[in-house]
Amino acid sequence: MFLKNPPTAAPAAVRKRLAPEVQVGLIVTKVVGDPVALEADFLSMYQDAVSAKLIGRAHAHGKQIHVWTVNDHDIQVQMIELGVDSVITDQPADVIKLRQSRANLSSPEKLVFGSAAYACGGSLRRTVTL
């Protein structure tokens, strides 16, 4: 179940009473206030609304962050670097390949390649072939 910018947390409270096994996600196009504080099980966010701080807070509260629709390779890299739980895209094979490539890197390599990507204006593709 998705709630797009609900005015209150009431729908989530009703869901918890009637069907606690059903997860509720909040679709966030723009951050106004604190979406982590709302009673949603996960946040589905537009890429421009995502920040490392928000992801950290969401994860600390047991909530996942799903970001959409990320078709640009450089932004896919950035979202993965930030720690989103999933990337919604029209090119899923590219994101799977990127995640698999990064899984084989050591922590120092991830740090170096991530820093290089940001130093080049976000373009990891031009910096290193994964």
N, C-alpha and C. Protein backbone atom coordinates (compact mmCIF):
# COMPACT_ATOMS: atom_id res chain seq x y z
N MET A 1 0.85 -1.16 0.00
CA MET A 1 0.00 0.00 0.00
C MET A 1 0.89 1.23 0.00
N PHE A 2 0.61 2.20 -0.85
CA PHE A 2 1.36 3.44 -0.89
C PHE A 2 0.45 4.60 -0.50
N LEU A 3 0.99 5.51 0.25
CA LEU A 3 0.27 6.74 0.60
C LEU A 3 1.08 7.89 0.05
N LYS A 4 0.53 8.65 -0.87
CA LYS A 4 1.25 9.77 -1.44
C LYS A 4 0.99 11.02 -0.63
N ASN A 5 2.04 11.48 0.06
CA ASN A 5 1.99 12.69 0.88
C ASN A 5 0.74 12.75 1.76
N PRO A 6 0.56 11.77 2.66
CA PRO A 6 -0.63 11.78 3.51
C PRO A 6 -0.61 12.97 4.46
N PRO A 7 -1.76 13.59 4.70
CA PRO A 7 -1.80 14.74 5.60
C PRO A 7 -1.58 14.35 7.06
N THR A 8 -1.90 13.12 7.42
CA THR A 8 -1.69 12.67 8.80
C THR A 8 -1.23 11.23 8.76
N ALA A 9 -0.88 10.71 9.91
CA ALA A 9 -0.47 9.30 10.00
C ALA A 9 -1.67 8.39 10.24
N ALA A 10 -2.88 8.92 10.20
CA ALA A 10 -4.08 8.14 10.49
C ALA A 10 -4.23 6.89 9.62
N PRO A 11 -3.99 6.97 8.30
CA PRO A 11 -4.13 5.75 7.49
C PRO A 11 -3.21 4.62 7.97
N ALA A 12 -2.00 4.95 8.38
CA ALA A 12 -1.07 3.93 8.87
C ALA A 12 -1.58 3.33 10.17
N ALA A 13 -2.15 4.15 11.03
CA ALA A 13 -2.68 3.65 12.31
C ALA A 13 -3.85 2.70 12.06
N VAL A 14 -4.72 3.05 11.11
CA VAL A 14 -5.85 2.19 10.76
C VAL A 14 -5.33 0.87 10.20
N ARG A 15 -4.35 0.94 9.32
CA ARG A 15 -3.76 -0.27 8.74
C ARG A 15 -3.19 -1.17 9.82
N LYS A 16 -2.51 -0.60 10.80
CA LYS A 16 -1.92 -1.42 11.87
C LYS A 16 -2.99 -2.19 12.64
N ARG A 17 -4.14 -1.58 12.81
CA ARG A 17 -5.23 -2.26 13.52
C ARG A 17 -5.89 -3.33 12.66
N LEU A 18 -6.16 -3.01 11.41
CA LEU A 18 -6.92 -3.90 10.54
C LEU A 18 -6.08 -4.98 9.87
N ALA A 19 -4.87 -4.65 9.47
CA ALA A 19 -4.02 -5.61 8.74
C ALA A 19 -2.55 -5.33 9.04
N PRO A 20 -2.10 -5.72 10.23
CA PRO A 20 -0.72 -5.40 10.62
C PRO A 20 0.34 -6.03 9.72
N GLU A 21 -0.02 -7.07 8.96
CA GLU A 21 0.96 -7.72 8.09
C GLU A 21 1.20 -6.94 6.79
N VAL A 22 0.33 -5.97 6.49
CA VAL A 22 0.46 -5.18 5.26
C VAL A 22 1.40 -4.01 5.52
N GLN A 23 2.42 -3.89 4.68
CA GLN A 23 3.35 -2.77 4.82
C GLN A 23 2.82 -1.56 4.09
N VAL A 24 3.07 -0.40 4.66
CA VAL A 24 2.65 0.86 4.07
C VAL A 24 3.90 1.65 3.69
N GLY A 25 3.93 2.11 2.45
CA GLY A 25 5.03 2.95 1.99
C GLY A 25 4.55 4.36 1.72
N LEU A 26 5.43 5.29 1.96
CA LEU A 26 5.13 6.71 1.72
C LEU A 26 5.89 7.16 0.49
N ILE A 27 5.20 7.69 -0.51
CA ILE A 27 5.85 8.23 -1.70
C ILE A 27 6.21 9.68 -1.42
N VAL A 28 7.50 9.99 -1.52
CA VAL A 28 7.98 11.34 -1.18
C VAL A 28 8.58 11.98 -2.43
N THR A 29 7.94 13.05 -2.91
CA THR A 29 8.47 13.77 -4.05
C THR A 29 9.32 14.96 -3.62
N LYS A 30 9.00 15.50 -2.46
CA LYS A 30 9.74 16.63 -1.90
C LYS A 30 9.67 16.51 -0.39
N VAL A 31 10.80 16.73 0.27
CA VAL A 31 10.83 16.60 1.72
C VAL A 31 10.31 17.89 2.36
N VAL A 32 9.22 17.74 3.09
CA VAL A 32 8.64 18.82 3.89
C VAL A 32 8.44 18.22 5.27
N GLY A 33 9.12 18.75 6.26
CA GLY A 33 9.05 18.15 7.58
C GLY A 33 9.94 16.92 7.64
N ASP A 34 9.52 15.94 8.41
CA ASP A 34 10.33 14.74 8.63
C ASP A 34 9.55 13.50 8.21
N PRO A 35 9.75 13.02 6.97
CA PRO A 35 9.00 11.83 6.53
C PRO A 35 9.33 10.59 7.35
N VAL A 36 10.50 10.55 7.98
CA VAL A 36 10.88 9.39 8.80
C VAL A 36 9.96 9.28 10.01
N ALA A 37 9.46 10.41 10.50
CA ALA A 37 8.61 10.42 11.69
C ALA A 37 7.21 9.88 11.41
N LEU A 38 6.80 9.85 10.16
CA LEU A 38 5.47 9.34 9.83
C LEU A 38 5.44 7.82 9.95
N GLU A 39 4.27 7.28 10.19
CA GLU A 39 4.13 5.84 10.39
C GLU A 39 4.02 5.10 9.07
N ALA A 40 5.15 5.05 8.37
CA ALA A 40 5.25 4.27 7.14
C ALA A 40 6.36 3.25 7.35
N ASP A 41 6.22 2.11 6.71
CA ASP A 41 7.24 1.06 6.85
C ASP A 41 8.45 1.32 5.95
N PHE A 42 8.22 2.02 4.84
CA PHE A 42 9.32 2.36 3.94
C PHE A 42 8.99 3.66 3.22
N LEU A 43 10.03 4.29 2.68
CA LEU A 43 9.86 5.53 1.94
C LEU A 43 10.31 5.30 0.50
N SER A 44 9.46 5.65 -0.43
CA SER A 44 9.79 5.60 -1.85
C SER A 44 9.98 7.05 -2.28
N MET A 45 11.23 7.40 -2.62
CA MET A 45 11.57 8.81 -2.75
C MET A 45 12.10 9.17 -4.13
N TYR A 46 11.78 10.39 -4.55
CA TYR A 46 12.38 10.95 -5.75
C TYR A 46 13.85 11.21 -5.45
N GLN A 47 14.72 10.96 -6.42
CA GLN A 47 16.16 11.03 -6.20
C GLN A 47 16.63 12.36 -5.63
N ASP A 48 16.02 13.47 -6.00
CA ASP A 48 16.45 14.78 -5.48
C ASP A 48 16.07 14.99 -4.02
N ALA A 49 15.17 14.16 -3.49
CA ALA A 49 14.73 14.31 -2.10
C ALA A 49 15.59 13.51 -1.13
N VAL A 50 16.53 12.71 -1.66
CA VAL A 50 17.33 11.81 -0.84
C VAL A 50 18.60 12.49 -0.36
N SER A 51 18.95 12.25 0.91
CA SER A 51 20.22 12.73 1.46
C SER A 51 20.79 11.65 2.37
N ALA A 52 22.09 11.72 2.60
CA ALA A 52 22.74 10.75 3.49
C ALA A 52 22.14 10.83 4.89
N LYS A 53 21.84 12.04 5.34
CA LYS A 53 21.27 12.22 6.68
C LYS A 53 19.89 11.55 6.78
N LEU A 54 19.05 11.76 5.78
CA LEU A 54 17.71 11.18 5.79
C LEU A 54 17.80 9.65 5.73
N ILE A 55 18.69 9.12 4.90
CA ILE A 55 18.86 7.67 4.81
C ILE A 55 19.31 7.11 6.15
N GLY A 56 20.27 7.78 6.79
CA GLY A 56 20.74 7.33 8.10
C GLY A 56 19.64 7.30 9.14
N ARG A 57 18.83 8.36 9.16
CA ARG A 57 17.71 8.42 10.12
C ARG A 57 16.68 7.33 9.82
N ALA A 58 16.37 7.14 8.55
CA ALA A 58 15.39 6.11 8.18
C ALA A 58 15.88 4.73 8.60
N HIS A 59 17.12 4.43 8.30
CA HIS A 59 17.67 3.12 8.67
C HIS A 59 17.71 2.95 10.19
N ALA A 60 18.02 4.02 10.91
CA ALA A 60 18.04 3.95 12.38
C ALA A 60 16.65 3.64 12.94
N HIS A 61 15.61 4.01 12.18
CA HIS A 61 14.22 3.74 12.60
C HIS A 61 13.65 2.49 11.93
N GLY A 62 14.52 1.70 11.30
CA GLY A 62 14.07 0.44 10.69
C GLY A 62 13.30 0.60 9.39
N LYS A 63 13.47 1.74 8.72
CA LYS A 63 12.75 1.98 7.47
C LYS A 63 13.71 1.91 6.29
N GLN A 64 13.22 1.35 5.21
CA GLN A 64 14.01 1.28 3.99
C GLN A 64 13.74 2.51 3.12
N ILE A 65 14.74 2.82 2.28
CA ILE A 65 14.61 3.91 1.32
C ILE A 65 14.72 3.32 -0.08
N HIS A 66 13.68 3.55 -0.89
CA HIS A 66 13.66 3.14 -2.29
C HIS A 66 13.63 4.43 -3.11
N VAL A 67 14.52 4.56 -4.06
CA VAL A 67 14.61 5.80 -4.84
C VAL A 67 14.20 5.53 -6.29
N TRP A 68 13.47 6.48 -6.88
CA TRP A 68 12.93 6.32 -8.23
C TRP A 68 13.15 7.55 -9.07
N THR A 69 12.88 7.52 -10.27
CA THR A 69 13.25 6.58 -11.30
C THR A 69 14.63 7.02 -11.76
N VAL A 70 15.64 6.24 -11.42
CA VAL A 70 17.04 6.64 -11.63
C VAL A 70 17.58 5.90 -12.85
N ASN A 71 17.67 6.62 -13.97
CA ASN A 71 18.17 6.02 -15.21
C ASN A 71 19.58 6.49 -15.56
N ASP A 72 20.04 7.56 -14.95
CA ASP A 72 21.39 8.08 -15.20
C ASP A 72 22.41 7.27 -14.39
N HIS A 73 23.43 6.75 -15.07
CA HIS A 73 24.43 5.91 -14.41
C HIS A 73 25.09 6.62 -13.23
N ASP A 74 25.48 7.87 -13.43
CA ASP A 74 26.18 8.60 -12.36
C ASP A 74 25.30 8.76 -11.13
N ILE A 75 24.02 8.99 -11.33
CA ILE A 75 23.11 9.13 -10.19
C ILE A 75 22.85 7.77 -9.56
N GLN A 76 22.83 6.71 -10.35
CA GLN A 76 22.73 5.36 -9.79
C GLN A 76 23.89 5.10 -8.84
N VAL A 77 25.10 5.44 -9.28
CA VAL A 77 26.29 5.28 -8.44
C VAL A 77 26.14 6.09 -7.16
N GLN A 78 25.71 7.34 -7.30
CA GLN A 78 25.55 8.22 -6.13
C GLN A 78 24.54 7.64 -5.14
N MET A 79 23.42 7.14 -5.64
CA MET A 79 22.39 6.59 -4.75
C MET A 79 22.91 5.37 -4.00
N ILE A 80 23.65 4.51 -4.71
CA ILE A 80 24.23 3.33 -4.06
C ILE A 80 25.26 3.76 -3.02
N GLU A 81 26.07 4.78 -3.36
CA GLU A 81 27.06 5.31 -2.41
C GLU A 81 26.36 5.84 -1.15
N LEU A 82 25.21 6.47 -1.33
CA LEU A 82 24.48 7.03 -0.19
C LEU A 82 23.86 5.95 0.69
N GLY A 83 23.66 4.75 0.13
CA GLY A 83 23.13 3.65 0.94
C GLY A 83 21.65 3.37 0.79
N VAL A 84 21.05 3.77 -0.35
CA VAL A 84 19.64 3.45 -0.54
C VAL A 84 19.47 1.94 -0.59
N ASP A 85 18.29 1.48 -0.24
CA ASP A 85 18.01 0.04 -0.22
C ASP A 85 17.69 -0.51 -1.59
N SER A 86 17.08 0.31 -2.44
CA SER A 86 16.84 -0.14 -3.81
C SER A 86 16.76 1.06 -4.73
N VAL A 87 17.10 0.80 -5.99
CA VAL A 87 17.05 1.81 -7.03
C VAL A 87 16.00 1.36 -8.04
N ILE A 88 14.95 2.14 -8.18
CA ILE A 88 13.91 1.84 -9.17
C ILE A 88 14.35 2.52 -10.46
N THR A 89 14.41 1.74 -11.55
CA THR A 89 14.97 2.24 -12.81
C THR A 89 14.33 1.54 -13.99
N ASP A 90 14.49 2.14 -15.16
CA ASP A 90 14.08 1.50 -16.40
C ASP A 90 15.19 0.59 -16.93
N GLN A 91 16.36 0.61 -16.26
CA GLN A 91 17.51 -0.21 -16.66
C GLN A 91 17.98 -1.08 -15.50
N PRO A 92 17.14 -2.03 -15.06
CA PRO A 92 17.50 -2.83 -13.89
C PRO A 92 18.78 -3.64 -14.07
N ALA A 93 19.06 -4.11 -15.28
CA ALA A 93 20.28 -4.90 -15.50
C ALA A 93 21.52 -4.07 -15.19
N ASP A 94 21.50 -2.77 -15.52
CA ASP A 94 22.64 -1.89 -15.23
C ASP A 94 22.86 -1.75 -13.73
N VAL A 95 21.78 -1.57 -12.98
CA VAL A 95 21.90 -1.40 -11.52
C VAL A 95 22.36 -2.71 -10.88
N ILE A 96 21.85 -3.83 -11.35
CA ILE A 96 22.28 -5.13 -10.81
C ILE A 96 23.77 -5.31 -11.05
N LYS A 97 24.23 -5.00 -12.26
CA LYS A 97 25.66 -5.13 -12.59
C LYS A 97 26.49 -4.19 -11.72
N LEU A 98 26.02 -2.98 -11.53
CA LEU A 98 26.74 -2.01 -10.70
C LEU A 98 26.83 -2.50 -9.26
N ARG A 99 25.73 -2.97 -8.70
CA ARG A 99 25.75 -3.49 -7.32
C ARG A 99 26.67 -4.70 -7.19
N GLN A 100 26.62 -5.60 -8.17
CA GLN A 100 27.49 -6.78 -8.12
C GLN A 100 28.96 -6.38 -8.21
N SER A 101 29.28 -5.43 -9.07
CA SER A 101 30.66 -4.96 -9.20
C SER A 101 31.14 -4.34 -7.90
N ARG A 102 30.29 -3.55 -7.27
CA ARG A 102 30.67 -2.89 -6.02
C ARG A 102 30.79 -3.89 -4.88
N ALA A 103 30.03 -4.97 -4.94
CA ALA A 103 30.10 -5.98 -3.87
C ALA A 103 31.47 -6.64 -3.82
N ASN A 104 32.17 -6.65 -4.95
CA ASN A 104 33.49 -7.27 -5.01
C ASN A 104 34.62 -6.33 -4.61
N LEU A 105 34.31 -5.07 -4.36
CA LEU A 105 35.34 -4.10 -3.97
C LEU A 105 35.56 -4.14 -2.46
N SER A 106 36.78 -3.89 -2.05
CA SER A 106 37.07 -3.76 -0.62
C SER A 106 36.57 -2.40 -0.15
N SER A 107 36.48 -2.20 1.15
CA SER A 107 36.04 -0.91 1.69
C SER A 107 36.92 0.24 1.21
N PRO A 108 38.27 0.09 1.24
CA PRO A 108 39.11 1.18 0.72
C PRO A 108 38.86 1.47 -0.76
N GLU A 109 38.64 0.42 -1.56
CA GLU A 109 38.36 0.63 -2.98
C GLU A 109 37.05 1.39 -3.16
N LYS A 110 36.04 1.02 -2.39
CA LYS A 110 34.76 1.74 -2.48
C LYS A 110 34.95 3.20 -2.13
N LEU A 111 35.75 3.47 -1.11
CA LEU A 111 36.01 4.85 -0.69
C LEU A 111 36.73 5.61 -1.79
N VAL A 112 37.78 5.02 -2.36
CA VAL A 112 38.55 5.68 -3.41
C VAL A 112 37.70 5.92 -4.65
N PHE A 113 36.99 4.89 -5.12
CA PHE A 113 36.20 5.04 -6.32
C PHE A 113 35.04 6.01 -6.11
N GLY A 114 34.44 5.98 -4.94
CA GLY A 114 33.36 6.93 -4.64
C GLY A 114 33.87 8.35 -4.60
N SER A 115 35.03 8.57 -3.97
CA SER A 115 35.62 9.91 -3.91
C SER A 115 36.01 10.39 -5.29
N ALA A 116 36.54 9.49 -6.11
CA ALA A 116 36.92 9.85 -7.47
C ALA A 116 35.69 10.26 -8.27
N ALA A 117 34.60 9.56 -8.06
CA ALA A 117 33.37 9.89 -8.78
C ALA A 117 32.90 11.29 -8.43
N TYR A 118 32.91 11.64 -7.14
CA TYR A 118 32.46 12.96 -6.73
C TYR A 118 33.42 14.04 -7.21
N ALA A 119 34.73 13.75 -7.23
CA ALA A 119 35.72 14.72 -7.69
C ALA A 119 35.55 15.03 -9.17
N CYS A 120 35.04 14.06 -9.93
CA CYS A 120 34.82 14.23 -11.37
C CYS A 120 33.40 14.68 -11.66
N GLY A 121 32.76 15.28 -10.70
CA GLY A 121 31.39 15.74 -10.91
C GLY A 121 30.38 14.63 -10.90
N GLY A 122 30.71 13.53 -10.22
CA GLY A 122 29.75 12.44 -10.09
C GLY A 122 29.92 11.34 -11.12
N SER A 123 30.95 11.42 -11.97
CA SER A 123 31.05 10.44 -13.03
C SER A 123 32.05 9.34 -12.73
N LEU A 124 31.58 8.28 -12.11
CA LEU A 124 32.42 7.12 -11.85
C LEU A 124 32.72 6.39 -13.15
N ARG A 125 31.81 6.43 -14.09
CA ARG A 125 31.99 5.70 -15.35
C ARG A 125 33.26 6.16 -16.07
N ARG A 126 33.55 7.46 -16.05
CA ARG A 126 34.74 7.96 -16.72
C ARG A 126 36.00 7.72 -15.90
N THR A 127 35.85 7.42 -14.64
CA THR A 127 36.99 7.27 -13.76
C THR A 127 37.51 5.84 -13.72
N VAL A 128 36.62 4.88 -13.68
CA VAL A 128 37.03 3.49 -13.56
C VAL A 128 35.97 2.61 -14.23
N THR A 129 36.41 1.54 -14.83
CA THR A 129 35.48 0.59 -15.42
C THR A 129 35.19 -0.49 -14.40
N LEU A 130 33.95 -0.62 -14.04
CA LEU A 130 33.55 -1.63 -13.05
C LEU A 130 33.22 -2.92 -13.75
